[in-house]
PDB file of all heavy atoms in Angstrom:
ATOM      1  N   PRO A   1     128.624 139.347 155.441  1.00  0.00           N
ATOM      2  CA  PRO A   1     129.923 138.818 154.944  1.00  0.00           C
ATOM      3  C   PRO A   1     130.674 138.097 156.037  1.00  0.00           C
ATOM      4  O   PRO A   1     130.374 138.288 157.239  1.00  0.00           O
ATOM      5  CB  PRO A   1     130.596 139.973 154.402  1.00  0.00           C
ATOM      6  CG  PRO A   1     129.994 141.159 155.082  1.00  0.00           C
ATOM      7  CD  PRO A   1     128.606 140.806 155.443  1.00  0.00           C
ATOM      8  N   GLY A   2     131.576 137.265 155.616  1.00  0.00           N
ATOM      9  CA  GLY A   2     132.583 136.762 156.599  1.00  0.00           C
ATOM     10  C   GLY A   2     131.941 135.645 157.470  1.00  0.00           C
ATOM     11  O   GLY A   2     132.538 135.349 158.520  1.00  0.00           O
ATOM     12  N   GLY A   3     130.864 135.095 157.077  1.00  0.00           N
ATOM     13  CA  GLY A   3     130.281 133.981 157.872  1.00  0.00           C
ATOM     14  C   GLY A   3     129.493 134.389 159.036  1.00  0.00           C
ATOM     15  O   GLY A   3     129.086 133.629 159.904  1.00  0.00           O
ATOM     16  N   LYS A   4     129.396 135.749 159.265  1.00  0.00           N
ATOM     17  CA  LYS A   4     128.604 136.248 160.411  1.00  0.00           C
ATOM     18  C   LYS A   4     127.078 135.946 160.131  1.00  0.00           C
ATOM     19  O   LYS A   4     126.712 135.861 158.996  1.00  0.00           O
ATOM     20  CB  LYS A   4     128.778 137.776 160.624  1.00  0.00           C
ATOM     21  CG  LYS A   4     129.950 138.077 161.439  1.00  0.00           C
ATOM     22  CD  LYS A   4     129.854 139.466 161.964  1.00  0.00           C
ATOM     23  CE  LYS A   4     129.654 139.463 163.445  1.00  0.00           C
ATOM     24  NZ  LYS A   4     129.861 140.773 164.034  1.00  0.00           N
ATOM     25  N   ARG A   5     126.379 135.805 161.185  1.00  0.00           N
ATOM     26  CA  ARG A   5     124.888 135.531 161.066  1.00  0.00           C
ATOM     27  C   ARG A   5     124.123 136.755 161.601  1.00  0.00           C
ATOM     28  O   ARG A   5     124.553 137.373 162.512  1.00  0.00           O
ATOM     29  CB  ARG A   5     124.552 134.339 161.897  1.00  0.00           C
ATOM     30  CG  ARG A   5     125.240 133.059 161.472  1.00  0.00           C
ATOM     31  CD  ARG A   5     124.959 131.898 162.305  1.00  0.00           C
ATOM     32  NE  ARG A   5     125.781 130.781 161.940  1.00  0.00           N
ATOM     33  CZ  ARG A   5     125.694 129.583 162.406  1.00  0.00           C
ATOM     34  NH1 ARG A   5     124.789 129.319 163.379  1.00  0.00           N
ATOM     35  NH2 ARG A   5     126.399 128.616 162.002  1.00  0.00           N
ATOM     36  N   TRP A   6     122.938 136.912 161.001  1.00  0.00           N
ATOM     37  CA  TRP A   6     122.006 137.880 161.590  1.00  0.00           C
ATOM     38  C   TRP A   6     121.421 137.165 162.883  1.00  0.00           C
ATOM     39  O   TRP A   6     121.046 136.019 162.797  1.00  0.00           O
ATOM     40  CB  TRP A   6     120.855 138.089 160.611  1.00  0.00           C
ATOM     41  CG  TRP A   6     121.210 138.849 159.465  1.00  0.00           C
ATOM     42  CD1 TRP A   6     121.257 138.451 158.135  1.00  0.00           C
ATOM     43  CD2 TRP A   6     121.404 140.264 159.327  1.00  0.00           C
ATOM     44  NE1 TRP A   6     121.547 139.477 157.294  1.00  0.00           N
ATOM     45  CE2 TRP A   6     121.636 140.657 158.001  1.00  0.00           C
ATOM     46  CE3 TRP A   6     121.368 141.304 160.318  1.00  0.00           C
ATOM     47  CZ2 TRP A   6     121.859 141.938 157.602  1.00  0.00           C
ATOM     48  CZ3 TRP A   6     121.679 142.589 159.905  1.00  0.00           C
ATOM     49  CH2 TRP A   6     121.893 142.926 158.568  1.00  0.00           C
ATOM     50  N   LEU A   7     121.401 137.907 164.005  1.00  0.00           N
ATOM     51  CA  LEU A   7     120.914 137.414 165.237  1.00  0.00           C
ATOM     52  C   LEU A   7     119.559 138.090 165.444  1.00  0.00           C
ATOM     53  O   LEU A   7     119.445 139.362 165.484  1.00  0.00           O
ATOM     54  CB  LEU A   7     121.806 137.804 166.357  1.00  0.00           C
ATOM     55  CG  LEU A   7     123.300 137.345 166.164  1.00  0.00           C
ATOM     56  CD1 LEU A   7     124.152 137.945 167.277  1.00  0.00           C
ATOM     57  CD2 LEU A   7     123.384 135.805 166.142  1.00  0.00           C
ATOM     58  N   VAL A   8     118.491 137.249 165.466  1.00  0.00           N
ATOM     59  CA  VAL A   8     117.157 137.850 165.451  1.00  0.00           C
ATOM     60  C   VAL A   8     116.332 137.374 166.691  1.00  0.00           C
ATOM     61  O   VAL A   8     116.497 136.199 167.125  1.00  0.00           O
ATOM     62  CB  VAL A   8     116.405 137.664 164.167  1.00  0.00           C
ATOM     63  CG1 VAL A   8     117.155 138.228 162.986  1.00  0.00           C
ATOM     64  CG2 VAL A   8     116.101 136.175 163.936  1.00  0.00           C
ATOM     65  N   TRP A   9     115.460 138.163 167.123  1.00  0.00           N
ATOM     66  CA  TRP A   9     114.454 137.895 168.140  1.00  0.00           C
ATOM     67  C   TRP A   9     113.031 137.998 167.400  1.00  0.00           C
ATOM     68  O   TRP A   9     112.845 138.905 166.619  1.00  0.00           O
ATOM     69  CB  TRP A   9     114.396 138.908 169.266  1.00  0.00           C
ATOM     70  CG  TRP A   9     115.728 138.911 170.023  1.00  0.00           C
ATOM     71  CD1 TRP A   9     116.946 139.377 169.701  1.00  0.00           C
ATOM     72  CD2 TRP A   9     115.837 138.387 171.370  1.00  0.00           C
ATOM     73  NE1 TRP A   9     117.817 139.163 170.719  1.00  0.00           N
ATOM     74  CE2 TRP A   9     117.234 138.556 171.777  1.00  0.00           C
ATOM     75  CE3 TRP A   9     114.994 137.728 172.295  1.00  0.00           C
ATOM     76  CZ2 TRP A   9     117.667 138.186 173.025  1.00  0.00           C
ATOM     77  CZ3 TRP A   9     115.437 137.403 173.513  1.00  0.00           C
ATOM     78  CH2 TRP A   9     116.806 137.616 173.849  1.00  0.00           C
ATOM     79  N   LEU A  10     112.220 137.100 167.627  1.00  0.00           N
ATOM     80  CA  LEU A  10     110.815 137.152 167.140  1.00  0.00           C
ATOM     81  C   LEU A  10     110.072 138.140 167.990  1.00  0.00           C
ATOM     82  O   LEU A  10     109.923 138.005 169.251  1.00  0.00           O
ATOM     83  CB  LEU A  10     110.091 135.852 167.151  1.00  0.00           C
ATOM     84  CG  LEU A  10     108.664 135.825 166.739  1.00  0.00           C
ATOM     85  CD1 LEU A  10     108.514 136.278 165.277  1.00  0.00           C
ATOM     86  CD2 LEU A  10     108.110 134.499 166.954  1.00  0.00           C
ATOM     87  N   LYS A  11     109.591 139.204 167.370  1.00  0.00           N
ATOM     88  CA  LYS A  11     108.849 140.286 168.163  1.00  0.00           C
ATOM     89  C   LYS A  11     107.443 139.873 168.215  1.00  0.00           C
ATOM     90  O   LYS A  11     106.702 139.757 167.230  1.00  0.00           O
ATOM     91  CB  LYS A  11     109.004 141.631 167.372  1.00  0.00           C
ATOM     92  CG  LYS A  11     108.126 142.790 167.863  1.00  0.00           C
ATOM     93  CD  LYS A  11     108.536 143.191 169.278  1.00  0.00           C
ATOM     94  CE  LYS A  11     107.832 144.436 169.705  1.00  0.00           C
ATOM     95  NZ  LYS A  11     106.662 144.262 170.535  1.00  0.00           N
ATOM     96  N   LEU A  12     106.962 139.709 169.486  1.00  0.00           N
ATOM     97  CA  LEU A  12     105.580 139.383 169.794  1.00  0.00           C
ATOM     98  C   LEU A  12     104.859 140.666 170.188  1.00  0.00           C
ATOM     99  O   LEU A  12     105.396 141.467 170.966  1.00  0.00           O
ATOM    100  CB  LEU A  12     105.536 138.354 170.896  1.00  0.00           C
ATOM    101  CG  LEU A  12     106.096 136.982 170.547  1.00  0.00           C
ATOM    102  CD1 LEU A  12     106.035 136.101 171.818  1.00  0.00           C
ATOM    103  CD2 LEU A  12     105.432 136.328 169.363  1.00  0.00           C
ATOM    104  N   ASP A  13     103.604 140.876 169.801  1.00  0.00           N
ATOM    105  CA  ASP A  13     102.736 141.863 170.195  1.00  0.00           C
ATOM    106  C   ASP A  13     101.776 141.321 171.231  1.00  0.00           C
ATOM    107  O   ASP A  13     100.840 140.594 170.897  1.00  0.00           O
ATOM    108  CB  ASP A  13     101.956 142.491 169.018  1.00  0.00           C
ATOM    109  CG  ASP A  13     100.984 143.531 169.443  1.00  0.00           C
ATOM    110  OD1 ASP A  13     100.837 143.832 170.643  1.00  0.00           O
ATOM    111  OD2 ASP A  13     100.270 144.035 168.510  1.00  0.00           O
ATOM    112  N   CYS A  14     102.011 141.657 172.492  1.00  0.00           N
ATOM    113  CA  CYS A  14     101.210 141.128 173.558  1.00  0.00           C
ATOM    114  C   CYS A  14     100.213 142.149 174.058  1.00  0.00           C
ATOM    115  O   CYS A  14      99.792 142.105 175.257  1.00  0.00           O
ATOM    116  CB  CYS A  14     102.071 140.641 174.729  1.00  0.00           C
ATOM    117  SG  CYS A  14     103.123 139.231 174.188  1.00  0.00           S
ATOM    118  N   GLY A  15      99.816 143.073 173.205  1.00  0.00           N
ATOM    119  CA  GLY A  15      98.868 144.097 173.641  1.00  0.00           C
ATOM    120  C   GLY A  15      99.261 145.513 173.338  1.00  0.00           C
ATOM    121  O   GLY A  15      98.446 146.459 173.410  1.00  0.00           O
ATOM    122  N   ASN A  16     100.505 145.707 173.051  1.00  0.00           N
ATOM    123  CA  ASN A  16     100.978 147.111 172.749  1.00  0.00           C
ATOM    124  C   ASN A  16     100.366 147.662 171.462  1.00  0.00           C
ATOM    125  O   ASN A  16     100.100 148.818 171.331  1.00  0.00           O
ATOM    126  CB  ASN A  16     102.473 147.133 172.748  1.00  0.00           C
ATOM    127  CG  ASN A  16     103.064 148.456 172.726  1.00  0.00           C
ATOM    128  OD1 ASN A  16     102.478 149.439 173.106  1.00  0.00           O
ATOM    129  ND2 ASN A  16     104.311 148.543 172.260  1.00  0.00           N
ATOM    130  N   GLY A  17     100.300 146.754 170.434  1.00  0.00           N
ATOM    131  CA  GLY A  17      99.682 147.201 169.178  1.00  0.00           C
ATOM    132  C   GLY A  17     100.474 147.942 168.250  1.00  0.00           C
ATOM    133  O   GLY A  17     100.113 148.542 167.304  1.00  0.00           O
ATOM    134  N   ARG A  18     101.842 148.127 168.596  1.00  0.00           N
ATOM    135  CA  ARG A  18     102.745 148.968 167.768  1.00  0.00           C
ATOM    136  C   ARG A  18     103.498 148.157 166.814  1.00  0.00           C
ATOM    137  O   ARG A  18     103.655 148.544 165.656  1.00  0.00           O
ATOM    138  CB  ARG A  18     103.656 149.644 168.747  1.00  0.00           C
ATOM    139  CG  ARG A  18     104.502 150.717 168.083  1.00  0.00           C
ATOM    140  CD  ARG A  18     105.196 151.541 169.086  1.00  0.00           C
ATOM    141  NE  ARG A  18     106.587 151.720 168.582  1.00  0.00           N
ATOM    142  CZ  ARG A  18     107.644 151.925 169.363  1.00  0.00           C
ATOM    143  NH1 ARG A  18     107.536 152.038 170.634  1.00  0.00           N
ATOM    144  NH2 ARG A  18     108.777 152.117 168.838  1.00  0.00           N
ATOM    145  N   ALA A  19     104.068 147.034 167.128  1.00  0.00           N
ATOM    146  CA  ALA A  19     104.843 146.165 166.316  1.00  0.00           C
ATOM    147  C   ALA A  19     104.746 144.749 166.850  1.00  0.00           C
ATOM    148  O   ALA A  19     104.481 144.502 168.038  1.00  0.00           O
ATOM    149  CB  ALA A  19     106.281 146.679 166.233  1.00  0.00           C
ATOM    150  N   GLY A  20     105.077 143.893 165.952  1.00  0.00           N
ATOM    151  CA  GLY A  20     105.110 142.457 166.358  1.00  0.00           C
ATOM    152  C   GLY A  20     103.875 141.643 165.773  1.00  0.00           C
ATOM    153  O   GLY A  20     102.970 142.232 165.253  1.00  0.00           O
ATOM    154  N   ILE A  21     103.963 140.417 166.085  1.00  0.00           N
ATOM    155  CA  ILE A  21     102.885 139.444 165.684  1.00  0.00           C
ATOM    156  C   ILE A  21     102.317 138.886 166.985  1.00  0.00           C
ATOM    157  O   ILE A  21     102.931 138.608 167.944  1.00  0.00           O
ATOM    158  CB  ILE A  21     103.531 138.351 164.778  1.00  0.00           C
ATOM    159  CG1 ILE A  21     102.386 137.469 164.231  1.00  0.00           C
ATOM    160  CG2 ILE A  21     104.542 137.555 165.467  1.00  0.00           C
ATOM    161  CD1 ILE A  21     102.827 136.569 163.054  1.00  0.00           C
ATOM    162  N   ARG A  22     100.960 138.815 166.995  1.00  0.00           N
ATOM    163  CA  ARG A  22     100.276 138.316 168.140  1.00  0.00           C
ATOM    164  C   ARG A  22     100.695 136.876 168.491  1.00  0.00           C
ATOM    165  O   ARG A  22     100.722 136.062 167.559  1.00  0.00           O
ATOM    166  CB  ARG A  22      98.753 138.379 167.962  1.00  0.00           C
ATOM    167  CG  ARG A  22      98.195 139.809 167.742  1.00  0.00           C
ATOM    168  CD  ARG A  22      98.163 140.629 168.932  1.00  0.00           C
ATOM    169  NE  ARG A  22      97.264 140.094 169.914  1.00  0.00           N
ATOM    170  CZ  ARG A  22      97.183 140.630 171.090  1.00  0.00           C
ATOM    171  NH1 ARG A  22      97.815 141.699 171.500  1.00  0.00           N
ATOM    172  NH2 ARG A  22      96.371 140.070 172.064  1.00  0.00           N
ATOM    173  N   PRO A  23     100.987 136.552 169.729  1.00  0.00           N
ATOM    174  CA  PRO A  23     101.434 135.202 170.017  1.00  0.00           C
ATOM    175  C   PRO A  23     100.402 134.165 169.862  1.00  0.00           C
ATOM    176  O   PRO A  23     100.675 132.962 169.646  1.00  0.00           O
ATOM    177  CB  PRO A  23     101.870 135.396 171.496  1.00  0.00           C
ATOM    178  CG  PRO A  23     101.176 136.510 172.031  1.00  0.00           C
ATOM    179  CD  PRO A  23     101.011 137.461 170.828  1.00  0.00           C
ATOM    180  N   THR A  24      99.131 134.536 169.783  1.00  0.00           N
ATOM    181  CA  THR A  24      97.969 133.585 169.430  1.00  0.00           C
ATOM    182  C   THR A  24      97.758 133.390 167.999  1.00  0.00           C
ATOM    183  O   THR A  24      96.981 132.522 167.692  1.00  0.00           O
ATOM    184  CB  THR A  24      96.691 134.094 170.160  1.00  0.00           C
ATOM    185  OG1 THR A  24      96.474 135.472 169.747  1.00  0.00           O
ATOM    186  CG2 THR A  24      96.908 134.096 171.673  1.00  0.00           C
ATOM    187  N   ASP A  25      98.403 134.205 167.211  1.00  0.00           N
ATOM    188  CA  ASP A  25      98.237 134.087 165.715  1.00  0.00           C
ATOM    189  C   ASP A  25      98.985 132.854 165.254  1.00  0.00           C
ATOM    190  O   ASP A  25     100.155 132.714 165.571  1.00  0.00           O
ATOM    191  CB  ASP A  25      98.779 135.286 165.059  1.00  0.00           C
ATOM    192  CG  ASP A  25      98.643 135.372 163.538  1.00  0.00           C
ATOM    193  OD1 ASP A  25      98.502 134.286 162.968  1.00  0.00           O
ATOM    194  OD2 ASP A  25      98.625 136.428 162.996  1.00  0.00           O
ATOM    195  N   PRO A  26      98.353 131.912 164.600  1.00  0.00           N
ATOM    196  CA  PRO A  26      99.020 130.664 164.132  1.00  0.00           C
ATOM    197  C   PRO A  26     100.216 130.971 163.311  1.00  0.00           C
ATOM    198  O   PRO A  26     101.222 130.232 163.271  1.00  0.00           O
ATOM    199  CB  PRO A  26      98.045 129.910 163.279  1.00  0.00           C
ATOM    200  CG  PRO A  26      96.679 130.450 163.810  1.00  0.00           C
ATOM    201  CD  PRO A  26      96.874 131.861 164.247  1.00  0.00           C
ATOM    202  N   ALA A  27     100.238 132.178 162.630  1.00  0.00           N
ATOM    203  CA  ALA A  27     101.444 132.545 161.810  1.00  0.00           C
ATOM    204  C   ALA A  27     102.642 132.863 162.645  1.00  0.00           C
ATOM    205  O   ALA A  27     103.795 132.771 162.148  1.00  0.00           O
ATOM    206  CB  ALA A  27     100.993 133.778 160.921  1.00  0.00           C
ATOM    207  N   ALA A  28     102.477 133.117 163.891  1.00  0.00           N
ATOM    208  CA  ALA A  28     103.567 133.458 164.838  1.00  0.00           C
ATOM    209  C   ALA A  28     104.418 132.241 164.969  1.00  0.00           C
ATOM    210  O   ALA A  28     105.714 132.299 164.942  1.00  0.00           O
ATOM    211  CB  ALA A  28     103.156 133.989 166.197  1.00  0.00           C
ATOM    212  N   LEU A  29     103.806 131.101 165.292  1.00  0.00           N
ATOM    213  CA  LEU A  29     104.596 129.864 165.466  1.00  0.00           C
ATOM    214  C   LEU A  29     105.233 129.451 164.188  1.00  0.00           C
ATOM    215  O   LEU A  29     106.374 129.022 164.162  1.00  0.00           O
ATOM    216  CB  LEU A  29     103.610 128.739 165.984  1.00  0.00           C
ATOM    217  CG  LEU A  29     104.327 127.517 166.521  1.00  0.00           C
ATOM    218  CD1 LEU A  29     105.359 127.829 167.619  1.00  0.00           C
ATOM    219  CD2 LEU A  29     103.242 126.561 167.116  1.00  0.00           C
ATOM    220  N   ALA A  30     104.530 129.583 163.091  1.00  0.00           N
ATOM    221  CA  ALA A  30     105.124 129.273 161.729  1.00  0.00           C
ATOM    222  C   ALA A  30     106.367 130.193 161.437  1.00  0.00           C
ATOM    223  O   ALA A  30     107.351 129.686 160.986  1.00  0.00           O
ATOM    224  CB  ALA A  30     104.126 129.415 160.675  1.00  0.00           C
ATOM    225  N   LEU A  31     106.261 131.455 161.834  1.00  0.00           N
ATOM    226  CA  LEU A  31     107.357 132.329 161.643  1.00  0.00           C
ATOM    227  C   LEU A  31     108.514 131.978 162.554  1.00  0.00           C
ATOM    228  O   LEU A  31     109.666 131.940 162.097  1.00  0.00           O
ATOM    229  CB  LEU A  31     106.955 133.802 161.895  1.00  0.00           C
ATOM    230  CG  LEU A  31     108.008 134.851 161.713  1.00  0.00           C
ATOM    231  CD1 LEU A  31     108.597 134.827 160.336  1.00  0.00           C
ATOM    232  CD2 LEU A  31     107.444 136.270 161.995  1.00  0.00           C
ATOM    233  N   ALA A  32     108.274 131.605 163.759  1.00  0.00           N
ATOM    234  CA  ALA A  32     109.369 131.198 164.660  1.00  0.00           C
ATOM    235  C   ALA A  32     110.097 129.972 164.120  1.00  0.00           C
ATOM    236  O   ALA A  32     111.300 129.878 164.127  1.00  0.00           O
ATOM    237  CB  ALA A  32     108.794 130.878 166.063  1.00  0.00           C
ATOM    238  N   ARG A  33     109.283 129.040 163.575  1.00  0.00           N
ATOM    239  CA  ARG A  33     109.908 127.829 162.974  1.00  0.00           C
ATOM    240  C   ARG A  33     110.705 128.159 161.756  1.00  0.00           C
ATOM    241  O   ARG A  33     111.799 127.623 161.513  1.00  0.00           O
ATOM    242  CB  ARG A  33     108.761 126.824 162.708  1.00  0.00           C
ATOM    243  CG  ARG A  33     108.290 126.123 163.891  1.00  0.00           C
ATOM    244  CD  ARG A  33     107.285 125.037 163.573  1.00  0.00           C
ATOM    245  NE  ARG A  33     106.896 124.393 164.771  1.00  0.00           N
ATOM    246  CZ  ARG A  33     105.639 124.123 165.096  1.00  0.00           C
ATOM    247  NH1 ARG A  33     104.642 124.570 164.336  1.00  0.00           N
ATOM    248  NH2 ARG A  33     105.306 123.492 166.267  1.00  0.00           N
ATOM    249  N   SER A  34     110.139 129.110 160.914  1.00  0.00           N
ATOM    250  CA  SER A  34     110.868 129.506 159.748  1.00  0.00           C
ATOM    251  C   SER A  34     112.192 130.175 160.084  1.00  0.00           C
ATOM    252  O   SER A  34     113.240 129.952 159.381  1.00  0.00           O
ATOM    253  CB  SER A  34     110.040 130.455 158.876  1.00  0.00           C
ATOM    254  OG  SER A  34     108.904 129.783 158.463  1.00  0.00           O
ATOM    255  N   ILE A  35     112.189 130.973 161.063  1.00  0.00           N
ATOM    256  CA  ILE A  35     113.450 131.619 161.486  1.00  0.00           C
ATOM    257  C   ILE A  35     114.448 130.572 161.946  1.00  0.00           C
ATOM    258  O   ILE A  35     115.627 130.615 161.591  1.00  0.00           O
ATOM    259  CB  ILE A  35     113.219 132.708 162.589  1.00  0.00           C
ATOM    260  CG1 ILE A  35     112.310 133.855 162.143  1.00  0.00           C
ATOM    261  CG2 ILE A  35     114.521 133.268 163.066  1.00  0.00           C
ATOM    262  CD1 ILE A  35     111.806 134.727 163.270  1.00  0.00           C
ATOM    263  N   ALA A  36     113.981 129.681 162.846  1.00  0.00           N
ATOM    264  CA  ALA A  36     114.906 128.681 163.430  1.00  0.00           C
ATOM    265  C   ALA A  36     115.449 127.645 162.357  1.00  0.00           C
ATOM    266  O   ALA A  36     116.546 127.268 162.499  1.00  0.00           O
ATOM    267  CB  ALA A  36     114.156 127.944 164.546  1.00  0.00           C
ATOM    268  N   ARG A  37     114.537 127.323 161.432  1.00  0.00           N
ATOM    269  CA  ARG A  37     114.941 126.258 160.477  1.00  0.00           C
ATOM    270  C   ARG A  37     115.266 126.719 159.084  1.00  0.00           C
ATOM    271  O   ARG A  37     115.823 125.901 158.301  1.00  0.00           O
ATOM    272  CB  ARG A  37     113.757 125.310 160.424  1.00  0.00           C
ATOM    273  CG  ARG A  37     113.457 124.589 161.699  1.00  0.00           C
ATOM    274  CD  ARG A  37     112.273 123.688 161.593  1.00  0.00           C
ATOM    275  NE  ARG A  37     111.931 123.154 162.835  1.00  0.00           N
ATOM    276  CZ  ARG A  37     110.713 122.610 163.072  1.00  0.00           C
ATOM    277  NH1 ARG A  37     109.755 122.543 162.140  1.00  0.00           N
ATOM    278  NH2 ARG A  37     110.423 122.154 164.312  1.00  0.00           N
ATOM    279  N   GLY A  38     114.943 127.951 158.769  1.00  0.00           N
ATOM    280  CA  GLY A  38     115.025 128.415 157.333  1.00  0.00           C
ATOM    281  C   GLY A  38     116.399 128.422 156.805  1.00  0.00           C
ATOM    282  O   GLY A  38     116.664 127.855 155.797  1.00  0.00           O
ATOM    283  N   ALA A  39     117.259 129.234 157.344  1.00  0.00           N
ATOM    284  CA  ALA A  39     118.667 129.329 156.845  1.00  0.00           C
ATOM    285  C   ALA A  39     119.545 129.671 158.068  1.00  0.00           C
ATOM    286  O   ALA A  39     120.052 130.743 158.197  1.00  0.00           O
ATOM    287  CB  ALA A  39     118.757 130.458 155.796  1.00  0.00           C
ATOM    288  N   PRO A  40     119.759 128.642 159.004  1.00  0.00           N
ATOM    289  CA  PRO A  40     120.498 128.926 160.166  1.00  0.00           C
ATOM    290  C   PRO A  40     121.937 129.421 159.972  1.00  0.00           C
ATOM    291  O   PRO A  40     122.499 130.029 160.934  1.00  0.00           O
ATOM    292  CB  PRO A  40     120.489 127.597 160.946  1.00  0.00           C
ATOM    293  CG  PRO A  40     120.106 126.559 159.958  1.00  0.00           C
ATOM    294  CD  PRO A  40     119.345 127.269 158.852  1.00  0.00           C
ATOM    295  N   GLU A  41     122.522 129.220 158.790  1.00  0.00           N
ATOM    296  CA  GLU A  41     123.809 129.645 158.560  1.00  0.00           C
ATOM    297  C   GLU A  41     123.828 131.175 158.232  1.00  0.00           C
ATOM    298  O   GLU A  41     124.886 131.791 158.246  1.00  0.00           O
ATOM    299  CB  GLU A  41     124.479 128.888 157.412  1.00  0.00           C
ATOM    300  CG  GLU A  41     123.916 129.058 156.060  1.00  0.00           C
ATOM    301  CD  GLU A  41     122.531 128.362 155.833  1.00  0.00           C
ATOM    302  OE1 GLU A  41     122.075 127.601 156.696  1.00  0.00           O
ATOM    303  OE2 GLU A  41     121.929 128.592 154.833  1.00  0.00           O
ATOM    304  N   VAL A  42     122.607 131.672 157.959  1.00  0.00           N
ATOM    305  CA  VAL A  42     122.463 133.158 157.636  1.00  0.00           C
ATOM    306  C   VAL A  42     121.774 133.910 158.808  1.00  0.00           C
ATOM    307  O   VAL A  42     122.095 135.014 159.155  1.00  0.00           O
ATOM    308  CB  VAL A  42     121.688 133.317 156.390  1.00  0.00           C
ATOM    309  CG1 VAL A  42     121.447 134.800 156.070  1.00  0.00           C
ATOM    310  CG2 VAL A  42     122.452 132.655 155.228  1.00  0.00           C
ATOM    311  N   VAL A  43     120.714 133.293 159.300  1.00  0.00           N
ATOM    312  CA  VAL A  43     119.812 133.934 160.329  1.00  0.00           C
ATOM    313  C   VAL A  43     119.703 132.964 161.528  1.00  0.00           C
ATOM    314  O   VAL A  43     119.342 131.834 161.389  1.00  0.00           O
ATOM    315  CB  VAL A  43     118.460 134.284 159.814  1.00  0.00           C
ATOM    316  CG1 VAL A  43     117.553 134.909 160.874  1.00  0.00           C
ATOM    317  CG2 VAL A  43     118.588 135.168 158.624  1.00  0.00           C
TER     318      VAL A  43
END
């Protein structure tokens, strides 16, 4: 509410295997673009 935005970091899994998306996965770049371009007034 109130015009605040969700502030997010894209979580990369660089070998830990616990959480995140592998940086070599093509979906990772697509997700980064979706976050940046999807709804910047919200996220």
